[in-house]
C-alpha atoms as a PDB file:
ATOM      1  CA  UNK A   1      -9.772 -15.412  13.496  1.00  0.00           C
ATOM      2  CA  UNK A   2      -6.149 -16.491  13.859  1.00  0.00           C
ATOM      3  CA  UNK A   3      -3.362 -14.008  14.451  1.00  0.00           C
ATOM      4  CA  UNK A   4      -1.639 -15.075  11.218  1.00  0.00           C
ATOM      5  CA  UNK A   5      -4.773 -14.315   9.194  1.00  0.00           C
ATOM      6  CA  UNK A   6      -5.069 -10.942  10.895  1.00  0.00           C
ATOM      7  CA  UNK A   7      -1.411 -10.136  10.233  1.00  0.00           C
ATOM      8  CA  UNK A   8      -1.714 -11.291   6.608  1.00  0.00           C
ATOM      9  CA  UNK A   9      -4.826  -9.143   6.115  1.00  0.00           C
ATOM     10  CA  UNK A  10      -3.043  -6.132   7.587  1.00  0.00           C
ATOM     11  CA  UNK A  11      -0.059  -6.767   5.302  1.00  0.00           C
ATOM     12  CA  UNK A  12      -2.334  -6.863   2.254  1.00  0.00           C
ATOM     13  CA  UNK A  13      -3.917  -3.578   3.309  1.00  0.00           C
ATOM     14  CA  UNK A  14      -0.487  -1.971   3.589  1.00  0.00           C
ATOM     15  CA  UNK A  15       0.547  -3.237   0.168  1.00  0.00           C
ATOM     16  CA  UNK A  16      -2.709  -2.117  -1.473  1.00  0.00           C
ATOM     17  CA  UNK A  17      -2.897   1.314   0.169  1.00  0.00           C
ATOM     18  CA  UNK A  18      -0.527   3.126  -2.237  1.00  0.00           C
ATOM     19  CA  UNK A  19      -2.356   1.669  -5.234  1.00  0.00           C
ATOM     20  CA  UNK A  20      -5.772   2.631  -3.940  1.00  0.00           C
ATOM     21  CA  UNK A  21      -4.865   6.036  -2.501  1.00  0.00           C
ATOM     22  CA  UNK A  22      -4.807   9.214  -4.522  1.00  0.00           C
ATOM     23  CA  UNK A  23      -1.330  10.564  -5.022  1.00  0.00           C
ATOM     24  CA  UNK A  24      -1.826  14.161  -3.970  1.00  0.00           C
ATOM     25  CA  UNK A  25       0.179  16.193  -1.472  1.00  0.00           C
ATOM     26  CA  UNK A  26      -1.516  17.342   1.694  1.00  0.00           C
ATOM     27  CA  UNK A  27      -2.195  21.050   2.082  1.00  0.00           C
ATOM     28  CA  UNK A  28      -0.159  21.835   5.186  1.00  0.00           C
ATOM     29  CA  UNK A  29      -1.300  25.479   5.181  1.00  0.00           C
ATOM     30  CA  UNK A  30      -4.670  24.470   6.666  1.00  0.00           C
ATOM     31  CA  UNK A  31      -5.151  23.493  10.304  1.00  0.00           C
ATOM     32  CA  UNK A  32      -5.351  19.742  10.727  1.00  0.00           C
ATOM     33  CA  UNK A  33      -8.145  18.023  12.581  1.00  0.00           C
ATOM     34  CA  UNK A  34      -7.830  14.468  13.851  1.00  0.00           C
ATOM     35  CA  UNK A  35      -8.728  13.051  10.435  1.00  0.00           C
ATOM     36  CA  UNK A  36      -6.164  15.152   8.607  1.00  0.00           C
ATOM     37  CA  UNK A  37      -3.509  14.504  11.256  1.00  0.00           C
ATOM     38  CA  UNK A  38      -4.107  10.763  10.985  1.00  0.00           C
ATOM     39  CA  UNK A  39      -3.992  10.903   7.182  1.00  0.00           C
ATOM     40  CA  UNK A  40      -0.742  12.848   7.322  1.00  0.00           C
ATOM     41  CA  UNK A  41       0.750  10.369   9.797  1.00  0.00           C
ATOM     42  CA  UNK A  42      -0.294   7.398   7.614  1.00  0.00           C
ATOM     43  CA  UNK A  43       1.183   9.092   4.544  1.00  0.00           C
ATOM     44  CA  UNK A  44       4.495   9.704   6.307  1.00  0.00           C
ATOM     45  CA  UNK A  45       4.636   6.135   7.662  1.00  0.00           C
ATOM     46  CA  UNK A  46       3.888   4.747   4.209  1.00  0.00           C
ATOM     47  CA  UNK A  47       6.564   6.892   2.557  1.00  0.00           C
ATOM     48  CA  UNK A  48       9.149   5.868   5.171  1.00  0.00           C
ATOM     49  CA  UNK A  49       8.302   2.193   4.775  1.00  0.00           C
ATOM     50  CA  UNK A  50       8.656   2.319   0.989  1.00  0.00           C
ATOM     51  CA  UNK A  51      11.937   4.260   1.212  1.00  0.00           C
ATOM     52  CA  UNK A  52      13.347   1.784   3.745  1.00  0.00           C
ATOM     53  CA  UNK A  53      12.265  -1.174   1.600  1.00  0.00           C
ATOM     54  CA  UNK A  54      14.452   0.076  -1.256  1.00  0.00           C
ATOM     55  CA  UNK A  55      17.360  -2.159  -0.278  1.00  0.00           C
ATOM     56  CA  UNK A  56      20.385  -2.946  -2.376  1.00  0.00           C
ATOM     57  CA  UNK A  57      19.767  -6.490  -3.560  1.00  0.00           C
ATOM     58  CA  UNK A  58      22.574  -8.970  -2.942  1.00  0.00           C
ATOM     59  CA  UNK A  59      21.457 -11.887  -5.096  1.00  0.00           C
ATOM     60  CA  UNK A  60      20.826 -13.921  -1.930  1.00  0.00           C
ATOM     61  CA  UNK A  61      17.042 -14.351  -2.120  1.00  0.00           C
ATOM     62  CA  UNK A  62      16.745 -15.346   1.535  1.00  0.00           C
ATOM     63  CA  UNK A  63      18.673 -12.357   2.853  1.00  0.00           C
ATOM     64  CA  UNK A  64      17.043  -9.945   0.406  1.00  0.00           C
ATOM     65  CA  UNK A  65      13.594 -11.170   1.423  1.00  0.00           C
ATOM     66  CA  UNK A  66      14.341 -10.700   5.106  1.00  0.00           C
ATOM     67  CA  UNK A  67      15.992  -7.300   4.629  1.00  0.00           C
ATOM     68  CA  UNK A  68      12.998  -6.073   2.630  1.00  0.00           C
ATOM     69  CA  UNK A  69      10.418  -7.533   4.990  1.00  0.00           C
ATOM     70  CA  UNK A  70      11.838  -5.932   8.141  1.00  0.00           C
ATOM     71  CA  UNK A  71      10.944  -2.367   7.041  1.00  0.00           C
ATOM     72  CA  UNK A  72       7.672  -3.677   5.622  1.00  0.00           C
ATOM     73  CA  UNK A  73       6.754  -5.121   9.023  1.00  0.00           C
ATOM     74  CA  UNK A  74       7.964  -1.948  10.742  1.00  0.00           C
ATOM     75  CA  UNK A  75       5.604  -0.015   8.479  1.00  0.00           C
ATOM     76  CA  UNK A  76       2.736  -2.179   9.728  1.00  0.00           C
ATOM     77  CA  UNK A  77       3.762  -1.423  13.304  1.00  0.00           C
ATOM     78  CA  UNK A  78       3.971   2.294  12.590  1.00  0.00           C
ATOM     79  CA  UNK A  79       0.533   2.288  10.968  1.00  0.00           C
ATOM     80  CA  UNK A  80      -0.941   0.293  13.858  1.00  0.00           C
ATOM     81  CA  UNK A  81       0.452   2.849  16.305  1.00  0.00           C
ATOM     82  CA  UNK A  82      -1.210   5.614  14.290  1.00  0.00           C
ATOM     83  CA  UNK A  83      -4.477   3.694  14.577  1.00  0.00           C
ATOM     84  CA  UNK A  84      -4.006   3.514  18.340  1.00  0.00           C
ATOM     85  CA  UNK A  85      -3.332   7.266  18.450  1.00  0.00           C
ATOM     86  CA  UNK A  86      -6.289   8.354  16.306  1.00  0.00           C
ATOM     87  CA  UNK A  87      -8.656   5.403  15.916  1.00  0.00           C
ATOM     88  CA  UNK A  88     -11.843   4.992  17.894  1.00  0.00           C
ATOM     89  CA  UNK A  89     -13.263   1.569  16.965  1.00  0.00           C
ATOM     90  CA  UNK A  90     -12.424  -0.894  19.760  1.00  0.00           C
ATOM     91  CA  UNK A  91     -12.231  -3.881  17.390  1.00  0.00           C
ATOM     92  CA  UNK A  92      -9.790  -2.126  15.061  1.00  0.00           C
ATOM     93  CA  UNK A  93      -7.736  -0.863  18.007  1.00  0.00           C
ATOM     94  CA  UNK A  94      -7.538  -4.483  19.237  1.00  0.00           C
ATOM     95  CA  UNK A  95      -6.460  -5.550  15.738  1.00  0.00           C
ATOM     96  CA  UNK A  96      -3.768  -2.831  15.749  1.00  0.00           C
ATOM     97  CA  UNK A  97      -2.450  -4.127  19.066  1.00  0.00           C
ATOM     98  CA  UNK A  98      -2.322  -7.661  17.616  1.00  0.00           C
ATOM     99  CA  UNK A  99      -0.510  -6.398  14.504  1.00  0.00           C
ATOM    100  CA  UNK A 100       2.113  -4.690  16.667  1.00  0.00           C
ATOM    101  CA  UNK A 101       2.682  -7.819  18.748  1.00  0.00           C
ATOM    102  CA  UNK A 102       2.890 -10.129  15.720  1.00  0.00           C
ATOM    103  CA  UNK A 103       5.078  -7.866  13.605  1.00  0.00           C
ATOM    104  CA  UNK A 104       7.503  -7.133  16.461  1.00  0.00           C
ATOM    105  CA  UNK A 105       7.921 -10.881  16.997  1.00  0.00           C
ATOM    106  CA  UNK A 106       8.532 -11.482  13.299  1.00  0.00           C
ATOM    107  CA  UNK A 107      11.047  -8.620  13.087  1.00  0.00           C
ATOM    108  CA  UNK A 108      12.923 -10.144  16.044  1.00  0.00           C
ATOM    109  CA  UNK A 109      12.876 -13.524  14.297  1.00  0.00           C
ATOM    110  CA  UNK A 110      14.179 -12.012  11.045  1.00  0.00           C
ATOM    111  CA  UNK A 111      16.933 -10.052  12.826  1.00  0.00           C
ATOM    112  CA  UNK A 112      17.972 -13.241  14.634  1.00  0.00           C
ATOM    113  CA  UNK A 113      18.087 -15.078  11.294  1.00  0.00           C
ATOM    114  CA  UNK A 114      20.275 -12.366   9.756  1.00  0.00           C
ATOM    115  CA  UNK A 115      22.627 -12.485  12.728  1.00  0.00           C
ATOM    116  CA  UNK A 116      22.785 -16.295  12.789  1.00  0.00           C
ATOM    117  CA  UNK A 117      23.606 -16.356   9.082  1.00  0.00           C
ATOM    118  CA  UNK A 118      26.141 -13.526   9.170  1.00  0.00           C
ATOM    119  CA  UNK A 119      24.027 -11.297   6.923  1.00  0.00           C
END
């Protein structure tokens, strides 16, 4: 499976997660096990990503796309790091490592584009 397909699949999972997840607050009064700690970490990463994606649009589709995608990709990195912290499946951990590598490279490319275009 190519790295681009893996990254695209991970991106789709990130986009679909809020739609598929129940919108209920976590009960922080109870002790958290690994599952609850991971769920809490994913919820926080997802909330941060969506907040950071709420950019002020400029009317420049190229720049707006890049500015919105950087936090989206960072969200994928953050979620992959949570997988590495809490996940057990070696195949999924390997996928998380690939997501981090791919998304970091794309963020660097997008930041370079913004800089080169004075955005």
